[in-house]
C-alpha atoms as a PDB file:
ATOM      1  CA  MET A   1      19.912 -22.670 -13.882  1.00  0.00           C
ATOM      2  CA  THR A   2      16.945 -20.066 -11.043  1.00  0.00           C
ATOM      3  CA  SER A   3      19.311 -17.597  -8.950  1.00  0.00           C
ATOM      4  CA  VAL A   4      18.763 -17.827  -5.632  1.00  0.00           C
ATOM      5  CA  PRO A   5      17.964 -13.861  -4.432  1.00  0.00           C
ATOM      6  CA  THR A   6      20.078 -12.906  -2.201  1.00  0.00           C
ATOM      7  CA  PRO A   7      19.367 -12.358   1.684  1.00  0.00           C
ATOM      8  CA  ILE A   8      18.812  -8.235   2.814  1.00  0.00           C
ATOM      9  CA  PRO A   9      21.115  -8.226   5.941  1.00  0.00           C
ATOM     10  CA  SER A  10      18.907  -7.507   9.252  1.00  0.00           C
ATOM     11  CA  ARG A  11      20.249  -3.949  10.065  1.00  0.00           C
ATOM     12  CA  THR A  12      19.049  -3.259   6.819  1.00  0.00           C
ATOM     13  CA  GLN A  13      15.831  -5.010   6.892  1.00  0.00           C
ATOM     14  CA  PHE A  14      14.999  -3.838  10.025  1.00  0.00           C
ATOM     15  CA  VAL A  15      16.112   0.093   8.960  1.00  0.00           C
ATOM     16  CA  LEU A  16      13.856  -0.744   5.787  1.00  0.00           C
ATOM     17  CA  GLU A  17      10.964  -1.667   7.545  1.00  0.00           C
ATOM     18  CA  GLY A  18      11.285   1.336  10.010  1.00  0.00           C
ATOM     19  CA  ILE A  19      11.153   3.918   7.083  1.00  0.00           C
ATOM     20  CA  LYS A  20       8.663   2.071   5.083  1.00  0.00           C
ATOM     21  CA  HIS A  21       6.575   2.434   8.133  1.00  0.00           C
ATOM     22  CA  ARG A  22       6.890   5.780   8.768  1.00  0.00           C
ATOM     23  CA  ILE A  23       5.766   6.704   5.275  1.00  0.00           C
ATOM     24  CA  LEU A  24       2.902   4.772   5.522  1.00  0.00           C
ATOM     25  CA  THR A  25       1.873   5.904   8.522  1.00  0.00           C
ATOM     26  CA  GLY A  26       2.230   9.113   7.477  1.00  0.00           C
ATOM     27  CA  GLN A  27       5.305   9.886  10.278  1.00  0.00           C
ATOM     28  CA  LEU A  28       7.432  10.767   7.223  1.00  0.00           C
ATOM     29  CA  THR A  29       5.393  13.196   3.977  1.00  0.00           C
ATOM     30  CA  PRO A  30       5.888  13.556   0.377  1.00  0.00           C
ATOM     31  CA  GLY A  31       8.805  15.709   0.005  1.00  0.00           C
ATOM     32  CA  GLN A  32      10.214  15.583   3.087  1.00  0.00           C
ATOM     33  CA  ALA A  33      14.035  14.778   2.993  1.00  0.00           C
ATOM     34  CA  LEU A  34      15.720  11.754   4.178  1.00  0.00           C
ATOM     35  CA  VAL A  35      18.814  12.092   5.349  1.00  0.00           C
ATOM     36  CA  GLU A  36      21.037   9.473   5.895  1.00  0.00           C
ATOM     37  CA  THR A  37      22.468  10.489   9.232  1.00  0.00           C
ATOM     38  CA  GLU A  38      19.799  11.670  11.079  1.00  0.00           C
ATOM     39  CA  LEU A  39      18.151   8.018  10.130  1.00  0.00           C
ATOM     40  CA  ALA A  40      21.577   6.500  11.578  1.00  0.00           C
ATOM     41  CA  ALA A  41      21.411   8.019  14.620  1.00  0.00           C
ATOM     42  CA  GLN A  42      16.988   7.790  14.778  1.00  0.00           C
ATOM     43  CA  PHE A  43      17.730   3.380  13.847  1.00  0.00           C
ATOM     44  CA  GLY A  44      21.638   3.525  15.607  1.00  0.00           C
ATOM     45  CA  VAL A  45      23.085   1.835  12.897  1.00  0.00           C
ATOM     46  CA  SER A  46      26.142   3.064  10.397  1.00  0.00           C
ATOM     47  CA  LYS A  47      24.690   5.357   7.582  1.00  0.00           C
ATOM     48  CA  THR A  48      25.546   1.681   4.887  1.00  0.00           C
ATOM     49  CA  PRO A  49      22.386   0.056   6.013  1.00  0.00           C
ATOM     50  CA  VAL A  50      20.705   3.230   6.354  1.00  0.00           C
ATOM     51  CA  ARG A  51      22.109   3.856   1.958  1.00  0.00           C
ATOM     52  CA  GLU A  52      21.010   0.250   1.425  1.00  0.00           C
ATOM     53  CA  ALA A  53      17.255   0.714   2.465  1.00  0.00           C
ATOM     54  CA  LEU A  54      16.534   3.599   1.142  1.00  0.00           C
ATOM     55  CA  LYS A  55      18.158   2.343  -2.544  1.00  0.00           C
ATOM     56  CA  THR A  56      15.366  -0.675  -1.729  1.00  0.00           C
ATOM     57  CA  LEU A  57      12.568   2.257  -1.397  1.00  0.00           C
ATOM     58  CA  ALA A  58      13.432   3.913  -4.444  1.00  0.00           C
ATOM     59  CA  GLY A  59      12.639   0.132  -5.950  1.00  0.00           C
ATOM     60  CA  THR A  60       9.502   0.297  -4.681  1.00  0.00           C
ATOM     61  CA  GLY A  61       8.547   3.460  -5.440  1.00  0.00           C
ATOM     62  CA  LEU A  62       8.852   4.957  -2.070  1.00  0.00           C
ATOM     63  CA  VAL A  63      11.051   7.432  -2.464  1.00  0.00           C
ATOM     64  CA  VAL A  64      13.247   9.715  -5.053  1.00  0.00           C
ATOM     65  CA  MET A  65      16.531   9.568  -5.273  1.00  0.00           C
ATOM     66  CA  ASN A  66      17.591  12.683  -6.472  1.00  0.00           C
ATOM     67  CA  GLN A  67      21.334  13.428  -7.470  1.00  0.00           C
ATOM     68  CA  TYR A  68      20.923  17.646  -6.727  1.00  0.00           C
ATOM     69  CA  LYS A  69      18.051  17.185  -4.025  1.00  0.00           C
ATOM     70  CA  GLY A  70      18.979  14.292  -2.277  1.00  0.00           C
ATOM     71  CA  VAL A  71      16.382  11.602  -1.179  1.00  0.00           C
ATOM     72  CA  THR A  72      12.631  12.503   0.145  1.00  0.00           C
ATOM     73  CA  VAL A  73       9.252  10.754   0.047  1.00  0.00           C
ATOM     74  CA  ARG A  74       7.974  10.150  -3.215  1.00  0.00           C
ATOM     75  CA  MET A  75       5.129  12.976  -3.736  1.00  0.00           C
ATOM     76  CA  VAL A  76       1.796  11.941  -4.733  1.00  0.00           C
ATOM     77  CA  ASP A  77       0.009  13.969  -7.355  1.00  0.00           C
ATOM     78  CA  ALA A  78      -3.364  12.421  -9.920  1.00  0.00           C
ATOM     79  CA  ASP A  79      -0.748  10.995 -12.261  1.00  0.00           C
ATOM     80  CA  MET A  80       0.806   8.629  -9.852  1.00  0.00           C
ATOM     81  CA  ALA A  81      -2.081   7.646  -8.353  1.00  0.00           C
ATOM     82  CA  ARG A  82      -3.902   7.215 -11.274  1.00  0.00           C
ATOM     83  CA  GLU A  83      -0.996   5.129 -12.729  1.00  0.00           C
ATOM     84  CA  VAL A  84      -0.787   3.086  -9.815  1.00  0.00           C
ATOM     85  CA  TYR A  85      -4.930   2.166  -9.142  1.00  0.00           C
ATOM     86  CA  ASP A  86      -4.650   1.846 -12.920  1.00  0.00           C
ATOM     87  CA  VAL A  87      -2.548  -1.759 -12.420  1.00  0.00           C
ATOM     88  CA  ARG A  88      -4.577  -2.518  -9.520  1.00  0.00           C
ATOM     89  CA  LEU A  89      -7.705  -2.304 -11.327  1.00  0.00           C
ATOM     90  CA  LEU A  90      -6.819  -4.487 -14.421  1.00  0.00           C
ATOM     91  CA  LEU A  91      -4.993  -7.251 -11.716  1.00  0.00           C
ATOM     92  CA  GLU A  92      -6.166  -7.217  -8.363  1.00  0.00           C
ATOM     93  CA  PRO A  93     -10.335  -8.314  -9.230  1.00  0.00           C
ATOM     94  CA  GLU A  94      -8.814 -10.779 -11.252  1.00  0.00           C
ATOM     95  CA  ALA A  95      -6.733 -12.041  -8.479  1.00  0.00           C
ATOM     96  CA  LEU A  96      -9.638 -12.090  -6.057  1.00  0.00           C
ATOM     97  CA  LYS A  97     -11.405 -13.742  -8.632  1.00  0.00           C
ATOM     98  CA  ARG A  98      -9.397 -16.886  -9.364  1.00  0.00           C
ATOM     99  CA  SER A  99      -8.978 -16.888  -4.899  1.00  0.00           C
ATOM    100  CA  VAL A 100     -12.851 -16.684  -4.786  1.00  0.00           C
ATOM    101  CA  ARG A 101     -13.341 -20.136  -7.131  1.00  0.00           C
ATOM    102  CA  ARG A 102     -10.291 -21.760  -5.948  1.00  0.00           C
ATOM    103  CA  GLY A 103     -12.128 -22.467  -2.187  1.00  0.00           C
ATOM    104  CA  ALA A 104      -8.992 -19.939  -0.942  1.00  0.00           C
ATOM    105  CA  SER A 105      -9.067 -19.153   3.180  1.00  0.00           C
ATOM    106  CA  LEU A 106     -10.173 -15.934   3.732  1.00  0.00           C
ATOM    107  CA  ASP A 107      -9.749 -15.835   7.456  1.00  0.00           C
ATOM    108  CA  ALA A 108      -6.961 -12.677   7.037  1.00  0.00           C
ATOM    109  CA  ALA A 109      -9.694 -10.412   5.639  1.00  0.00           C
ATOM    110  CA  ARG A 110     -12.201 -11.005   8.267  1.00  0.00           C
ATOM    111  CA  GLU A 111      -9.124 -10.662  10.652  1.00  0.00           C
ATOM    112  CA  ALA A 112      -7.947  -7.203   9.419  1.00  0.00           C
ATOM    113  CA  LEU A 113     -11.604  -6.224   9.225  1.00  0.00           C
ATOM    114  CA  THR A 114     -11.434  -6.102  12.491  1.00  0.00           C
ATOM    115  CA  SER A 115      -8.570  -4.981  12.860  1.00  0.00           C
ATOM    116  CA  ALA A 116      -9.097  -1.491  10.915  1.00  0.00           C
ATOM    117  CA  ASP A 117     -12.269  -1.735  12.808  1.00  0.00           C
ATOM    118  CA  GLU A 118     -10.448  -1.462  15.874  1.00  0.00           C
ATOM    119  CA  ALA A 119      -7.998   0.492  15.843  1.00  0.00           C
ATOM    120  CA  THR A 120      -7.418   3.525  17.626  1.00  0.00           C
ATOM    121  CA  ASP A 121      -5.284   6.180  15.146  1.00  0.00           C
ATOM    122  CA  THR A 122      -5.104   6.126  11.503  1.00  0.00           C
ATOM    123  CA  ALA A 123      -1.721   4.772  11.507  1.00  0.00           C
ATOM    124  CA  GLU A 124      -3.300   1.308  12.762  1.00  0.00           C
ATOM    125  CA  ARG A 125      -6.308   1.438  10.594  1.00  0.00           C
ATOM    126  CA  SER A 126      -4.112   1.942   7.335  1.00  0.00           C
ATOM    127  CA  LEU A 127      -2.238  -0.717   7.651  1.00  0.00           C
ATOM    128  CA  ALA A 128      -4.939  -2.928   8.830  1.00  0.00           C
ATOM    129  CA  ASN A 129      -6.826  -2.227   5.445  1.00  0.00           C
ATOM    130  CA  ARG A 130      -3.331  -3.062   3.394  1.00  0.00           C
ATOM    131  CA  GLU A 131      -3.602  -6.358   4.658  1.00  0.00           C
ATOM    132  CA  PHE A 132      -7.464  -6.482   3.825  1.00  0.00           C
ATOM    133  CA  HIS A 133      -6.246  -5.846   0.272  1.00  0.00           C
ATOM    134  CA  ARG A 134      -3.161  -8.610   0.088  1.00  0.00           C
ATOM    135  CA  SER A 135      -5.357 -10.613   1.417  1.00  0.00           C
ATOM    136  CA  LEU A 136      -7.843 -11.362  -1.070  1.00  0.00           C
ATOM    137  CA  TYR A 137      -5.180 -11.577  -3.586  1.00  0.00           C
ATOM    138  CA  VAL A 138      -2.539 -13.538  -2.615  1.00  0.00           C
ATOM    139  CA  ARG A 139      -4.051 -16.796  -2.387  1.00  0.00           C
ATOM    140  CA  CYS A 140      -5.476 -16.335  -6.144  1.00  0.00           C
ATOM    141  CA  GLY A 141      -3.182 -19.483  -7.199  1.00  0.00           C
ATOM    142  CA  ASN A 142      -0.752 -17.752  -9.595  1.00  0.00           C
ATOM    143  CA  PRO A 143       2.430 -16.229  -7.773  1.00  0.00           C
ATOM    144  CA  LEU A 144       3.602 -14.070 -10.037  1.00  0.00           C
ATOM    145  CA  LEU A 145       0.268 -12.505 -10.087  1.00  0.00           C
ATOM    146  CA  GLY A 146       0.753 -11.737  -6.028  1.00  0.00           C
ATOM    147  CA  ARG A 147       3.592 -10.693  -6.576  1.00  0.00           C
ATOM    148  CA  MET A 148       2.736  -8.069  -9.229  1.00  0.00           C
ATOM    149  CA  LEU A 149       0.041  -7.085  -7.377  1.00  0.00           C
ATOM    150  CA  ASP A 150       2.890  -6.613  -3.867  1.00  0.00           C
ATOM    151  CA  GLU A 151       5.125  -3.979  -5.979  1.00  0.00           C
ATOM    152  CA  VAL A 152       2.055  -1.523  -6.370  1.00  0.00           C
ATOM    153  CA  ARG A 153       1.352  -1.984  -2.742  1.00  0.00           C
ATOM    154  CA  ASP A 154       3.495  -0.310  -1.006  1.00  0.00           C
ATOM    155  CA  GLN A 155       2.564   3.202  -3.678  1.00  0.00           C
ATOM    156  CA  ALA A 156      -1.574   2.140  -2.734  1.00  0.00           C
ATOM    157  CA  ALA A 157      -0.356   2.577   0.702  1.00  0.00           C
ATOM    158  CA  LEU A 158       0.754   5.752   0.189  1.00  0.00           C
ATOM    159  CA  VAL A 159      -1.429   7.482  -2.030  1.00  0.00           C
ATOM    160  CA  SER A 160      -4.025   5.796   1.377  1.00  0.00           C
ATOM    161  CA  ALA A 161      -1.975   7.777   3.639  1.00  0.00           C
ATOM    162  CA  VAL A 162      -1.850  11.314   1.954  1.00  0.00           C
ATOM    163  CA  ALA A 163      -5.569  11.132   0.865  1.00  0.00           C
ATOM    164  CA  TRP A 164      -7.136  10.334   4.462  1.00  0.00           C
ATOM    165  CA  ALA A 165      -4.727  13.745   5.743  1.00  0.00           C
ATOM    166  CA  ALA A 166      -7.484  15.735   3.089  1.00  0.00           C
ATOM    167  CA  ASN A 167     -10.469  13.488   3.539  1.00  0.00           C
ATOM    168  CA  PRO A 168     -10.735  11.062   6.299  1.00  0.00           C
ATOM    169  CA  SER A 169     -13.082   8.123   4.471  1.00  0.00           C
ATOM    170  CA  TRP A 170     -12.531   5.407   5.891  1.00  0.00           C
ATOM    171  CA  GLU A 171     -16.238   4.685   7.625  1.00  0.00           C
ATOM    172  CA  ARG A 172     -17.439   4.470   3.580  1.00  0.00           C
ATOM    173  CA  GLU A 173     -14.135   2.123   2.859  1.00  0.00           C
ATOM    174  CA  ALA A 174     -14.634  -0.103   5.557  1.00  0.00           C
ATOM    175  CA  ASP A 175     -18.334  -0.294   4.950  1.00  0.00           C
ATOM    176  CA  GLU A 176     -17.637  -1.594   0.835  1.00  0.00           C
ATOM    177  CA  HIS A 177     -15.169  -3.556   2.567  1.00  0.00           C
ATOM    178  CA  ARG A 178     -17.423  -5.413   4.576  1.00  0.00           C
ATOM    179  CA  GLU A 179     -19.343  -5.925   1.410  1.00  0.00           C
ATOM    180  CA  ILE A 180     -16.183  -7.489  -0.819  1.00  0.00           C
ATOM    181  CA  LEU A 181     -15.875  -9.967   1.819  1.00  0.00           C
ATOM    182  CA  ARG A 182     -19.830 -10.937   1.832  1.00  0.00           C
ATOM    183  CA  LEU A 183     -19.409 -11.566  -1.318  1.00  0.00           C
ATOM    184  CA  ALA A 184     -16.325 -13.437  -1.400  1.00  0.00           C
ATOM    185  CA  LEU A 185     -17.142 -15.464   1.217  1.00  0.00           C
ATOM    186  CA  GLY A 186     -20.291 -16.580  -0.358  1.00  0.00           C
ATOM    187  CA  GLY A 187     -18.576 -17.747  -3.454  1.00  0.00           C
ATOM    188  CA  ASP A 188     -19.797 -15.119  -5.945  1.00  0.00           C
ATOM    189  CA  ALA A 189     -16.696 -14.441  -7.391  1.00  0.00           C
ATOM    190  CA  ASP A 190     -17.831 -12.261 -10.659  1.00  0.00           C
ATOM    191  CA  GLY A 191     -19.818 -10.085  -7.787  1.00  0.00           C
ATOM    192  CA  ALA A 192     -17.191 -10.134  -5.066  1.00  0.00           C
ATOM    193  CA  ALA A 193     -14.119  -9.228  -8.323  1.00  0.00           C
ATOM    194  CA  ARG A 194     -17.263  -5.939  -9.398  1.00  0.00           C
ATOM    195  CA  ALA A 195     -17.541  -4.503  -6.087  1.00  0.00           C
ATOM    196  CA  LEU A 196     -13.957  -4.715  -5.530  1.00  0.00           C
ATOM    197  CA  HIS A 197     -13.414  -3.041  -9.257  1.00  0.00           C
ATOM    198  CA  ALA A 198     -15.875  -0.355  -8.068  1.00  0.00           C
ATOM    199  CA  HIS A 199     -14.544   0.263  -4.473  1.00  0.00           C
ATOM    200  CA  ILE A 200     -11.234   1.058  -6.179  1.00  0.00           C
ATOM    201  CA  GLU A 201     -12.343   3.061  -9.037  1.00  0.00           C
ATOM    202  CA  SER A 202     -14.249   4.923  -6.759  1.00  0.00           C
ATOM    203  CA  PHE A 203     -11.394   5.766  -4.082  1.00  0.00           C
ATOM    204  CA  VAL A 204      -9.049   7.274  -6.297  1.00  0.00           C
ATOM    205  CA  HIS A 205     -12.076   9.173  -8.288  1.00  0.00           C
ATOM    206  CA  ARG A 206     -13.083  10.840  -4.603  1.00  0.00           C
ATOM    207  CA  ALA A 207      -9.162  11.483  -4.235  1.00  0.00           C
ATOM    208  CA  PHE A 208      -8.223  12.822  -6.554  1.00  0.00           C
ATOM    209  CA  PRO A 209     -10.988  14.486  -9.074  1.00  0.00           C
ATOM    210  CA  ALA A 210     -10.942  15.144 -12.643  1.00  0.00           C
ATOM    211  CA  GLY A 211      -8.686  18.122 -12.940  1.00  0.00           C
ATOM    212  CA  GLU A 212      -7.130  18.589  -9.961  1.00  0.00           C
ATOM    213  CA  SER A 213      -3.564  17.056 -10.625  1.00  0.00           C
ATOM    214  CA  GLU A 214      -2.257  17.021  -6.883  1.00  0.00           C
ATOM    215  CA  LEU A 215      -4.534  16.322  -3.182  1.00  0.00           C
ATOM    216  CA  GLN A 216      -3.505  18.894  -0.830  1.00  0.00           C
ATOM    217  CA  GLY A 217      -3.522  16.939   2.699  1.00  0.00           C
ATOM    218  CA  GLU A 218      -2.883  18.765   5.771  1.00  0.00           C
ATOM    219  CA  ASP A 219      -0.339  16.106   7.848  1.00  0.00           C
ATOM    220  CA  GLY A 220       0.759  14.682   4.748  1.00  0.00           C
ATOM    221  CA  GLN A 221      -5.095   3.300   2.718  1.00  0.00           C
ATOM    222  CA  GLU A 222      -6.444   2.398  -0.555  1.00  0.00           C
END
């Protein structure tokens, strides 16, 4: 008998999305404390939905819960970034290849590129780029593969937010995105997958050069 996931209460979902958005757009920075009473006041709710939202975010890897230090936004270092991007390198090009071979619509990817180009700030651009990558794999035909990539998507976006604060390299990445989409729209599944692999690999190497354990950003998406 298949169990049905328990839906998250609306207030908890509201708080969860609000906190996530602040983390992924750099309003809440790595290492910053997340105090339940303060967040409850900011969102106009009791502490219960805040507590539940933080537990969920801890499960996705965006926040860390410590018995002594409380809850903080997850720190981004080279080890964490490479672990997340290693998973993407293993799974995302294959998922894109399958999407192209299935003839899946890539309209959402095209729209995300336009949104990134028209973004007026880093936050909008980061979220648009996040959607671009998801649109490449979400129609791969294997829901489990899509969910596995979704599970690391937020952590990858956190890495990007920190990396961009130190080195705003989105113009180069936008050109790489356009080439990936061009190959995919042309039906070149293998070529698109290779371009995506190179794009993901080069980003983490630029952001976290060998020998550096942590990327330092002044304000602190691929």
